[in-house]
Protein backbone atom coordinates (compact mmCIF):
# COMPACT_ATOMS: atom_id res chain seq x y z
CA MET A 1 -79.46 -181.61 -34.40
CA PHE A 2 -81.83 -184.56 -34.26
CA GLN A 3 -80.69 -187.82 -35.84
CA LYS A 4 -83.82 -189.88 -35.22
CA VAL A 5 -87.39 -188.89 -34.24
CA LEU A 6 -90.29 -191.08 -33.17
CA VAL A 7 -93.70 -190.22 -34.64
CA ALA A 8 -96.34 -190.81 -31.95
CA ASN A 9 -99.32 -190.87 -34.27
CA ARG A 10 -100.90 -192.66 -37.22
CA GLY A 11 -102.60 -192.04 -40.57
CA GLU A 12 -102.10 -189.02 -42.77
CA ILE A 13 -100.42 -186.83 -40.14
CA ALA A 14 -97.85 -189.56 -39.45
CA VAL A 15 -97.18 -189.71 -43.19
CA GLN A 16 -96.62 -185.93 -43.37
CA ILE A 17 -94.31 -185.89 -40.34
CA ILE A 18 -92.24 -188.79 -41.72
CA ARG A 19 -91.91 -187.02 -45.07
CA SER A 20 -90.79 -183.80 -43.37
CA LEU A 21 -88.22 -185.70 -41.28
CA HIS A 22 -86.78 -187.40 -44.35
CA GLU A 23 -86.48 -184.07 -46.18
CA LEU A 24 -84.53 -182.77 -43.16
CA ASP A 25 -82.30 -185.87 -43.35
CA ILE A 26 -83.64 -187.21 -40.05
CA GLN A 27 -84.58 -190.86 -39.56
CA ALA A 28 -88.21 -191.56 -38.66
CA VAL A 29 -89.49 -194.24 -36.30
CA ALA A 30 -93.16 -195.18 -36.51
CA VAL A 31 -95.18 -196.78 -33.75
CA TYR A 32 -98.29 -198.68 -34.71
CA SER A 33 -101.16 -200.73 -33.34
CA THR A 34 -101.95 -204.24 -34.52
CA ALA A 35 -104.75 -202.72 -36.64
CA ASP A 36 -102.25 -200.51 -38.52
CA GLU A 37 -99.54 -203.06 -39.25
CA ASN A 38 -99.82 -202.68 -43.04
CA SER A 39 -100.49 -198.94 -43.13
CA LEU A 40 -98.69 -196.50 -45.40
CA PHE A 41 -97.00 -194.59 -42.56
CA VAL A 42 -95.49 -197.84 -41.25
CA ARG A 43 -94.03 -198.61 -44.67
CA LEU A 44 -92.58 -195.12 -45.08
CA ALA A 45 -90.75 -195.09 -41.74
CA ASP A 46 -87.12 -196.17 -41.36
CA GLU A 47 -88.12 -198.30 -38.37
CA ALA A 48 -91.48 -199.34 -36.95
CA VAL A 49 -92.44 -200.70 -33.55
CA CYS A 50 -95.75 -202.33 -32.62
CA ILE A 51 -96.89 -200.82 -29.34
CA GLY A 52 -100.17 -202.61 -28.64
CA GLY A 53 -103.64 -203.63 -29.66
CA PRO A 54 -106.14 -201.78 -31.83
CA GLN A 55 -107.85 -199.76 -29.12
CA PRO A 56 -106.19 -196.33 -28.65
CA ALA A 57 -105.67 -196.94 -24.93
CA GLU A 58 -103.65 -200.04 -25.81
CA SER A 59 -101.41 -198.27 -28.32
CA TYR A 60 -101.52 -194.61 -29.37
CA LEU A 61 -102.44 -193.46 -25.85
CA ASN A 62 -100.01 -195.86 -24.17
CA THR A 63 -97.37 -193.39 -22.98
CA PHE A 64 -95.16 -196.07 -21.39
CA ASN A 65 -94.91 -198.15 -24.57
CA ILE A 66 -94.33 -195.11 -26.79
CA VAL A 67 -91.53 -193.68 -24.65
CA ASN A 68 -89.94 -197.13 -24.33
CA ALA A 69 -90.03 -197.52 -28.12
CA ALA A 70 -88.31 -194.15 -28.51
CA ILE A 71 -85.58 -195.05 -26.02
CA LEU A 72 -84.98 -198.55 -27.42
CA THR A 73 -84.65 -197.23 -30.99
CA GLY A 74 -82.27 -194.44 -29.95
CA CYS A 75 -84.52 -191.48 -30.74
CA ASP A 76 -83.68 -187.89 -29.84
CA ALA A 77 -87.24 -186.58 -29.90
CA ILE A 78 -90.93 -187.39 -30.26
CA HIS A 79 -93.39 -185.62 -32.57
CA PRO A 80 -96.98 -186.10 -31.35
CA GLY A 81 -98.85 -184.80 -34.43
CA TYR A 82 -102.42 -183.87 -33.49
CA GLY A 83 -104.99 -185.78 -31.45
CA PHE A 84 -104.02 -188.68 -29.19
CA LEU A 85 -101.21 -187.44 -26.87
CA SER A 86 -100.44 -184.15 -28.60
CA GLU A 87 -101.95 -182.04 -25.79
CA ASN A 88 -101.19 -184.41 -22.93
CA ALA A 89 -99.04 -182.51 -20.44
CA GLU A 90 -98.06 -185.68 -18.57
CA PHE A 91 -96.78 -187.24 -21.79
CA ALA A 92 -94.73 -184.13 -22.59
CA ARG A 93 -93.34 -184.20 -19.04
CA LEU A 94 -92.47 -187.91 -19.34
CA CYS A 95 -90.62 -187.19 -22.58
CA GLU A 96 -88.58 -184.50 -20.86
CA GLU A 97 -87.77 -186.77 -17.90
CA SER A 98 -86.65 -189.47 -20.36
CA ASN A 99 -84.28 -187.05 -22.16
CA LEU A 100 -86.51 -187.03 -25.23
CA LYS A 101 -87.36 -183.68 -26.78
CA PHE A 102 -91.11 -183.20 -27.10
CA ILE A 103 -91.71 -181.39 -30.39
CA GLY A 104 -94.17 -178.85 -29.07
CA PRO A 105 -94.44 -176.36 -26.21
CA SER A 106 -93.45 -177.05 -22.62
CA TYR A 107 -95.58 -179.40 -20.55
CA GLN A 108 -96.33 -176.51 -18.19
CA THR A 109 -97.85 -174.52 -21.05
CA ILE A 110 -99.85 -177.51 -22.29
CA GLU A 111 -101.21 -178.02 -18.78
CA LEU A 112 -102.12 -174.34 -18.41
CA MET A 113 -103.96 -174.05 -21.71
CA GLY A 114 -105.50 -177.53 -21.47
CA ASN A 115 -107.60 -176.45 -18.53
CA LYS A 116 -110.11 -174.23 -20.31
CA SER A 117 -111.09 -172.27 -17.24
CA ARG A 118 -107.49 -171.49 -16.27
CA ALA A 119 -106.75 -170.63 -19.89
CA ARG A 120 -109.63 -168.18 -19.85
CA GLU A 121 -108.38 -166.53 -16.65
CA THR A 122 -104.89 -166.26 -18.14
CA MET A 123 -106.23 -164.59 -21.27
CA ILE A 124 -108.22 -162.10 -19.22
CA SER A 125 -105.00 -161.19 -17.39
CA ALA A 126 -103.29 -160.71 -20.78
CA ASN A 127 -106.03 -158.33 -21.91
CA VAL A 128 -107.35 -160.77 -24.49
CA PRO A 129 -111.13 -160.46 -25.07
CA VAL A 130 -113.03 -163.52 -23.84
CA ILE A 131 -116.62 -164.70 -24.09
CA PRO A 132 -118.74 -163.54 -21.12
CA GLY A 133 -119.05 -166.36 -18.61
CA SER A 134 -118.28 -167.68 -15.15
CA ASN A 135 -115.18 -166.51 -13.29
CA GLY A 136 -113.51 -169.88 -12.98
CA MET A 137 -115.46 -173.05 -12.26
CA VAL A 138 -119.07 -173.13 -11.18
CA ARG A 139 -119.14 -174.65 -7.69
CA ASP A 140 -122.41 -176.50 -8.02
CA LEU A 141 -125.78 -176.40 -9.78
CA GLU A 142 -126.99 -173.49 -7.64
CA ASN A 143 -123.94 -171.41 -8.58
CA ALA A 144 -124.38 -172.37 -12.25
CA MET A 145 -127.99 -171.19 -12.16
CA VAL A 146 -126.95 -167.80 -10.76
CA VAL A 147 -124.19 -167.30 -13.35
CA ALA A 148 -126.43 -168.35 -16.24
CA GLU A 149 -129.07 -165.87 -15.13
CA GLN A 150 -126.47 -163.10 -14.95
CA ILE A 151 -124.97 -163.60 -18.43
CA GLY A 152 -128.28 -164.63 -20.04
CA TYR A 153 -129.41 -167.75 -21.89
CA PRO A 154 -128.48 -169.50 -24.08
CA VAL A 155 -125.24 -170.59 -22.44
CA MET A 156 -122.68 -173.30 -23.06
CA LEU A 157 -121.87 -175.69 -20.23
CA LYS A 158 -118.27 -176.81 -20.72
CA ALA A 159 -115.90 -179.34 -19.19
CA ALA A 160 -112.75 -177.68 -17.85
CA ASP A 161 -110.53 -180.15 -19.71
CA GLY A 162 -112.72 -180.53 -22.80
CA GLY A 163 -111.63 -179.96 -26.37
CA GLY A 164 -112.14 -180.98 -29.97
CA GLY A 165 -115.87 -180.42 -29.70
CA LYS A 166 -116.24 -182.76 -26.70
CA GLY A 167 -117.55 -182.01 -23.24
CA ILE A 168 -119.84 -179.13 -24.21
CA ARG A 169 -123.63 -178.73 -24.00
CA ARG A 170 -125.93 -175.97 -25.14
CA ILE A 171 -128.34 -174.85 -22.42
CA ASN A 172 -131.38 -172.77 -23.39
CA SER A 173 -133.24 -172.45 -20.09
CA PRO A 174 -133.02 -173.01 -16.32
CA ASP A 175 -134.93 -176.29 -16.67
CA GLU A 176 -132.42 -177.57 -19.22
CA LEU A 177 -129.55 -176.61 -16.92
CA LYS A 178 -131.10 -178.52 -14.02
CA LYS A 179 -131.50 -181.61 -16.17
CA ALA A 180 -128.05 -181.43 -17.79
CA TYR A 181 -125.75 -180.44 -14.95
CA GLN A 182 -125.12 -183.77 -13.24
CA ALA A 183 -124.98 -185.66 -16.54
CA ALA A 184 -122.39 -183.16 -17.81
CA GLN A 185 -120.32 -183.67 -14.66
CA ARG A 186 -120.36 -187.45 -15.13
CA GLU A 187 -119.45 -187.09 -18.80
CA ALA A 188 -116.55 -184.78 -17.96
CA GLN A 189 -115.24 -187.14 -15.29
CA THR A 190 -115.49 -190.15 -17.61
CA SER A 191 -113.96 -188.45 -20.65
CA PHE A 192 -111.28 -186.27 -19.07
CA GLY A 193 -110.83 -187.44 -15.48
CA ASN A 194 -112.00 -184.04 -14.23
CA ALA A 195 -115.63 -183.23 -13.39
CA ASP A 196 -115.12 -179.44 -13.19
CA LEU A 197 -117.48 -177.33 -15.32
CA TYR A 198 -117.76 -173.70 -16.32
CA LEU A 199 -120.26 -171.57 -18.25
CA GLU A 200 -119.95 -169.30 -21.27
CA LYS A 201 -122.45 -167.10 -23.05
CA ILE A 202 -123.36 -168.40 -26.53
CA ILE A 203 -122.55 -165.91 -29.26
CA GLU A 204 -125.27 -166.51 -31.85
CA ASN A 205 -124.53 -166.51 -35.61
CA ALA A 206 -120.81 -166.43 -34.91
CA LYS A 207 -117.91 -167.39 -37.11
CA HIS A 208 -115.15 -169.70 -35.85
CA ILE A 209 -111.93 -167.86 -36.64
CA GLU A 210 -108.55 -169.20 -35.63
CA MET A 211 -105.03 -167.88 -36.01
CA GLN A 212 -101.78 -169.80 -35.96
CA VAL A 213 -98.86 -168.44 -33.97
CA ILE A 214 -95.31 -169.71 -34.15
CA ALA A 215 -92.44 -168.80 -31.84
CA ASP A 216 -88.90 -169.93 -31.18
CA GLN A 217 -87.17 -170.20 -27.81
CA TYR A 218 -85.51 -166.79 -28.24
CA GLY A 219 -88.62 -164.62 -28.02
CA HIS A 220 -89.45 -164.27 -31.71
CA TYR A 221 -93.21 -164.45 -32.40
CA VAL A 222 -95.02 -164.52 -35.74
CA PHE A 223 -98.74 -164.79 -36.48
CA LEU A 224 -100.01 -166.37 -39.68
CA PRO A 225 -103.18 -165.53 -41.67
CA GLU A 226 -106.48 -166.43 -40.02
CA ARG A 227 -108.50 -169.51 -40.96
CA ASP A 228 -112.29 -169.57 -41.26
CA CYS A 229 -113.38 -172.88 -39.73
CA SER A 230 -117.06 -172.04 -39.33
CA LEU A 231 -118.42 -174.86 -41.49
CA GLN A 232 -118.93 -177.48 -38.82
CA ARG A 233 -121.23 -180.35 -37.98
CA THR A 234 -121.64 -181.34 -34.31
CA ASN A 235 -118.69 -179.06 -33.50
CA GLN A 236 -116.42 -180.93 -35.94
CA LYS A 237 -114.87 -178.97 -38.81
CA VAL A 238 -115.90 -179.92 -42.35
CA ILE A 239 -114.31 -177.28 -44.62
CA GLU A 240 -111.60 -174.79 -43.66
CA GLU A 241 -110.20 -171.88 -45.63
CA THR A 242 -107.73 -169.02 -45.43
CA PRO A 243 -107.90 -166.09 -45.47
CA CYS A 244 -111.42 -165.43 -44.17
CA ALA A 245 -113.43 -163.82 -46.97
CA VAL A 246 -115.07 -161.25 -44.69
CA ILE A 247 -112.12 -160.09 -42.57
CA SER A 248 -110.26 -156.94 -43.57
CA HIS A 249 -106.51 -156.38 -43.50
CA THR A 250 -106.90 -154.06 -40.51
CA GLU A 251 -108.93 -156.65 -38.60
CA ARG A 252 -106.31 -159.29 -39.43
CA GLU A 253 -103.52 -157.12 -38.04
CA THR A 254 -105.53 -156.40 -34.88
CA LEU A 255 -106.23 -160.09 -34.35
CA GLY A 256 -102.57 -160.89 -34.94
CA GLU A 257 -101.54 -158.42 -32.26
CA ILE A 258 -103.96 -160.09 -29.82
CA VAL A 259 -102.61 -163.54 -30.67
CA VAL A 260 -98.97 -162.53 -30.20
CA ARG A 261 -99.83 -160.79 -26.92
CA ALA A 262 -101.53 -163.97 -25.70
CA ALA A 263 -98.59 -166.17 -26.73
CA LYS A 264 -96.08 -163.88 -25.05
CA ALA A 265 -98.13 -163.86 -21.85
CA ILE A 266 -97.65 -167.63 -21.46
CA LYS A 267 -94.07 -167.66 -22.87
CA TYR A 268 -95.23 -169.93 -25.68
CA TYR A 269 -92.84 -171.55 -28.13
CA ASN A 270 -93.24 -173.90 -31.12
CA THR A 271 -96.54 -173.64 -33.01
CA GLY A 272 -100.06 -173.35 -31.68
CA THR A 273 -103.48 -172.03 -32.65
CA ILE A 274 -105.74 -169.62 -30.82
CA GLU A 275 -109.43 -170.01 -31.61
CA PHE A 276 -111.95 -167.17 -31.51
CA LEU A 277 -115.62 -166.60 -32.07
CA MET A 278 -116.35 -163.56 -34.23
CA ASP A 279 -119.77 -162.00 -33.78
CA GLN A 280 -121.77 -160.22 -36.46
CA ASP A 281 -120.12 -156.92 -35.57
CA HIS A 282 -116.66 -158.50 -36.05
CA HIS A 283 -115.74 -158.53 -32.38
CA PHE A 284 -113.38 -161.40 -31.50
CA TYR A 285 -113.73 -163.52 -28.36
CA PHE A 286 -111.12 -166.04 -27.18
CA MET A 287 -112.37 -169.64 -27.00
CA GLU A 288 -109.31 -171.82 -26.48
CA MET A 289 -105.74 -172.47 -27.51
CA ASN A 290 -104.65 -175.70 -29.17
CA THR A 291 -101.04 -176.29 -28.15
CA ARG A 292 -100.28 -178.46 -31.17
CA LEU A 293 -100.45 -178.72 -34.91
CA GLN A 294 -103.97 -178.43 -36.36
CA VAL A 295 -105.58 -180.73 -38.93
CA GLU A 296 -106.09 -177.66 -41.11
CA HIS A 297 -102.50 -176.38 -40.87
CA THR A 298 -102.28 -177.33 -44.55
CA VAL A 299 -104.20 -174.30 -45.82
CA THR A 300 -101.89 -172.01 -43.86
CA GLU A 301 -98.87 -173.72 -45.39
CA GLU A 302 -100.31 -173.25 -48.87
CA VAL A 303 -100.96 -169.52 -48.63
CA THR A 304 -97.74 -168.64 -46.78
CA GLY A 305 -95.26 -171.13 -48.26
CA ILE A 306 -94.11 -172.00 -44.71
CA GLU A 307 -93.74 -175.72 -43.92
CA LEU A 308 -95.02 -175.82 -40.36
CA ILE A 309 -93.93 -179.35 -39.44
CA LYS A 310 -90.36 -178.57 -40.46
CA GLU A 311 -90.46 -175.34 -38.48
CA GLN A 312 -91.71 -177.27 -35.45
CA ILE A 313 -88.76 -179.64 -35.68
CA LYS A 314 -86.21 -176.84 -36.14
CA ILE A 315 -87.58 -174.89 -33.16
CA ALA A 316 -87.43 -178.04 -31.00
CA GLU A 317 -83.78 -178.44 -32.06
CA GLY A 318 -83.11 -174.97 -30.67
CA GLN A 319 -82.95 -173.08 -33.94
CA LYS A 320 -84.27 -169.56 -34.40
CA LEU A 321 -87.27 -168.85 -36.61
CA SER A 322 -86.14 -168.66 -40.23
CA PHE A 323 -88.59 -165.85 -41.03
CA SER A 324 -90.08 -162.72 -39.47
CA GLN A 325 -93.53 -161.15 -39.52
CA LEU A 326 -92.50 -159.06 -42.54
CA ASP A 327 -91.83 -162.26 -44.50
CA VAL A 328 -95.42 -163.52 -44.07
CA ASN A 329 -97.60 -162.78 -47.08
CA ILE A 330 -100.97 -164.11 -48.25
CA LEU A 331 -100.24 -165.86 -51.53
CA GLY A 332 -103.75 -166.58 -52.77
CA HIS A 333 -106.67 -168.43 -51.21
CA ALA A 334 -106.69 -172.01 -49.90
CA ILE A 335 -109.59 -174.35 -49.09
CA GLU A 336 -109.50 -177.76 -47.40
CA CYS A 337 -112.22 -180.44 -47.51
CA ARG A 338 -112.09 -183.35 -45.09
CA ILE A 339 -112.94 -186.65 -46.76
CA ASN A 340 -114.34 -188.92 -44.06
CA ALA A 341 -115.37 -192.57 -44.11
CA GLU A 342 -118.97 -191.99 -43.10
CA ASP A 343 -122.49 -192.23 -44.47
CA PRO A 344 -124.15 -188.78 -44.58
CA SER A 345 -127.53 -190.28 -45.49
CA ASN A 346 -127.42 -192.41 -42.32
CA ASN A 347 -126.69 -189.70 -39.77
CA PHE A 348 -123.01 -189.72 -40.80
CA MET A 349 -122.46 -193.19 -39.41
CA PRO A 350 -118.74 -194.16 -39.57
CA SER A 351 -117.94 -196.63 -42.34
CA ALA A 352 -115.10 -199.10 -41.73
CA GLY A 353 -113.81 -201.55 -44.33
CA LYS A 354 -111.25 -202.27 -47.03
CA ILE A 355 -110.55 -199.79 -49.84
CA ASP A 356 -111.18 -201.80 -53.01
CA HIS A 357 -110.62 -198.90 -55.40
CA LEU A 358 -109.12 -195.46 -54.89
CA PHE A 359 -108.39 -192.57 -57.23
CA LEU A 360 -106.92 -189.38 -55.78
CA PRO A 361 -106.94 -186.65 -58.47
CA VAL A 362 -103.44 -185.28 -57.91
CA GLY A 363 -101.18 -183.78 -60.53
CA THR A 364 -102.59 -180.28 -61.11
CA MET A 365 -101.18 -176.92 -60.06
CA GLY A 366 -102.80 -175.81 -56.83
CA VAL A 367 -103.95 -179.28 -55.72
CA ARG A 368 -102.62 -181.06 -52.64
CA ILE A 369 -104.02 -184.25 -51.13
CA ASP A 370 -102.79 -185.46 -47.73
CA SER A 371 -103.74 -189.05 -47.03
CA GLY A 372 -102.53 -192.07 -45.12
CA ILE A 373 -104.28 -194.67 -47.27
CA THR A 374 -103.73 -196.43 -50.57
CA GLN A 375 -105.79 -198.87 -52.59
CA GLY A 376 -106.16 -202.01 -50.47
CA SER A 377 -105.86 -200.11 -47.16
CA LEU A 378 -108.14 -200.95 -44.28
CA ILE A 379 -110.20 -198.24 -42.56
CA PRO A 380 -110.38 -199.63 -39.01
CA PRO A 381 -113.32 -198.80 -36.73
CA PHE A 382 -111.11 -197.74 -33.82
CA TYR A 383 -109.93 -194.29 -34.91
CA ASP A 384 -110.95 -191.04 -36.57
CA SER A 385 -112.75 -191.67 -39.85
CA MET A 386 -110.69 -189.29 -41.99
CA ILE A 387 -109.63 -190.73 -45.35
CA ALA A 388 -107.89 -187.69 -46.82
CA LYS A 389 -107.60 -183.93 -46.74
CA MET A 390 -108.11 -182.27 -50.12
CA ILE A 391 -106.51 -178.85 -50.36
CA VAL A 392 -106.56 -176.40 -53.24
CA LYS A 393 -104.79 -173.04 -53.52
CA MET A 394 -105.58 -170.50 -56.23
CA PRO A 395 -105.16 -166.73 -56.65
CA THR A 396 -108.79 -166.04 -55.61
CA ARG A 397 -111.46 -167.69 -53.48
CA GLN A 398 -113.77 -168.22 -56.46
CA GLU A 399 -111.03 -169.94 -58.45
CA ALA A 400 -110.26 -172.15 -55.46
CA ILE A 401 -113.93 -173.15 -55.14
CA VAL A 402 -114.12 -174.04 -58.84
CA LYS A 403 -110.99 -176.16 -58.63
CA MET A 404 -112.17 -177.95 -55.47
CA ARG A 405 -115.46 -178.81 -57.15
CA ARG A 406 -113.54 -180.43 -60.01
CA VAL A 407 -111.20 -182.31 -57.66
CA LEU A 408 -114.11 -183.72 -55.64
CA LYS A 409 -115.94 -184.74 -58.80
CA GLU A 410 -112.94 -186.78 -59.98
CA PHE A 411 -112.26 -188.41 -56.59
CA GLU A 412 -113.27 -192.09 -56.52
CA ILE A 413 -113.41 -194.63 -53.69
CA ASN A 414 -115.04 -198.04 -53.30
CA GLY A 415 -115.23 -200.28 -50.26
CA VAL A 416 -116.42 -197.71 -47.74
CA LYS A 417 -118.96 -194.93 -47.82
CA CYS A 418 -117.73 -191.34 -47.67
CA ASN A 419 -119.02 -187.77 -47.50
CA LYS A 420 -118.15 -186.83 -51.11
CA THR A 421 -121.70 -185.95 -52.24
CA PHE A 422 -122.28 -183.95 -49.05
CA LEU A 423 -119.16 -181.86 -49.71
CA GLU A 424 -120.02 -181.42 -53.39
CA ALA A 425 -123.43 -180.04 -52.46
CA LEU A 426 -121.91 -177.73 -49.85
CA LEU A 427 -119.48 -176.30 -52.39
CA VAL A 428 -122.33 -175.13 -54.66
CA ASP A 429 -124.45 -173.81 -51.79
CA LYS A 430 -125.21 -170.09 -52.11
CA GLY A 431 -124.40 -169.40 -48.47
CA PHE A 432 -120.97 -170.94 -48.91
CA GLU A 433 -120.33 -169.11 -52.17
CA LYS A 434 -121.06 -165.77 -50.50
CA ALA A 435 -119.17 -166.73 -47.27
CA GLN A 436 -122.41 -166.06 -45.38
CA PHE A 437 -122.22 -168.89 -42.88
CA SER A 438 -121.75 -169.33 -39.16
CA THR A 439 -120.84 -172.30 -36.98
CA LYS A 440 -124.43 -173.55 -37.04
CA TYR A 441 -125.06 -172.99 -40.74
CA ILE A 442 -124.70 -176.64 -41.77
CA GLU A 443 -127.01 -177.95 -39.05
CA ASN A 444 -129.59 -175.16 -39.10
CA ASN A 445 -129.71 -174.32 -42.80
CA PHE A 446 -127.87 -176.54 -45.24
CA LEU A 447 -128.25 -180.08 -43.90
CA LYS A 448 -132.02 -180.32 -43.70
CA GLU A 449 -132.52 -179.12 -47.27
CA TRP A 450 -129.75 -181.35 -48.60
CA LEU A 451 -131.10 -184.46 -46.89
CA ASN A 452 -134.56 -183.78 -48.29
CA ASN A 453 -133.11 -183.52 -51.79
CA GLU A 454 -131.18 -186.77 -51.32
CA LYS A 455 -134.31 -188.76 -50.46
């Protein structure tokens, strides 16, 4: 059993991990940058170690300093949260070599699924449906042109090691491919240290559906209800919900079987999420696997009653899953809104600054707010702009929407700009109410009309 765990992250996810550790009677060690010295997660931890300057490369991506902090404070394990080093195979390997348990899958699995082309090939071998595309990497521009012609435009040009909406470009024609290819290679090399690219067919008017899988080290696999993460802007999720309003029980079971088959094929353990595109005929196509906790794991927790962070820790300790597939039920409908420090009227420009006033409308049945800030907190310009995640869970989707509207209306913040009015407008949008939206709905339909009304 773990006695002390280092949390290799910051903000609201660090807060949630520390809380879970304390409830399991495990001491929590925080690491922080000079910009986060007075943050809530630092105050909540039993110990805290400064690991570098404000830039991520100096601190939260500094594997040497993080591992040293864990060793010097006598930790048994490291929880990476999401983002930063959570899907860094070398970091997971370094933890293992330093006799620190990495709370996540093996570094070999992270490496396999982190390379999107290899992940795709692995899924094909496991009989998991994938988006039509290149067989492996495209060798050069000439090869890319041939593949694109075969599968048909539009296509997506993707970095092999991309993720989180980065390293991808929509290509509508041969001329666009010629212009974009070398620039995409340079971008991939700069961002991920790997210039390899591959191509996928774009599935138009698709929904982004993802399913969480959790497994112990004894071969027990469980899938959890799907999440609809289609409401996105520039490939970044805005609102997530579970279950998907347009997926049937039979489709859910079929998707769950695919997800478990995929996880078994790579001998996966701990928790992870497999992301799919669903076309208008409800065919599912594998996109990628995130070998970590997701930002939106909260909605899954709410509708299942399963605390995923605690399960992660228990699995890493060598415990068996405390539940089976038969124990997983859908207990209502959950919606999450991401409150970001950004200015929607100014092309969503990030907004850094000090929080002069903050009111989080907690205290009602079905309302959960995960945040790493308090009144007086600083929103630094160096990291993700998320202020809080607002989650509601009610018996029905319509009741959840009504409650979320009320929660957003009551939310108050001064000192930085945020996307509150944008989210409020989205929650009363007819397309959202009817669940008739795809991954491009915000950009192609909602945003233009909303911005015109705001002027």
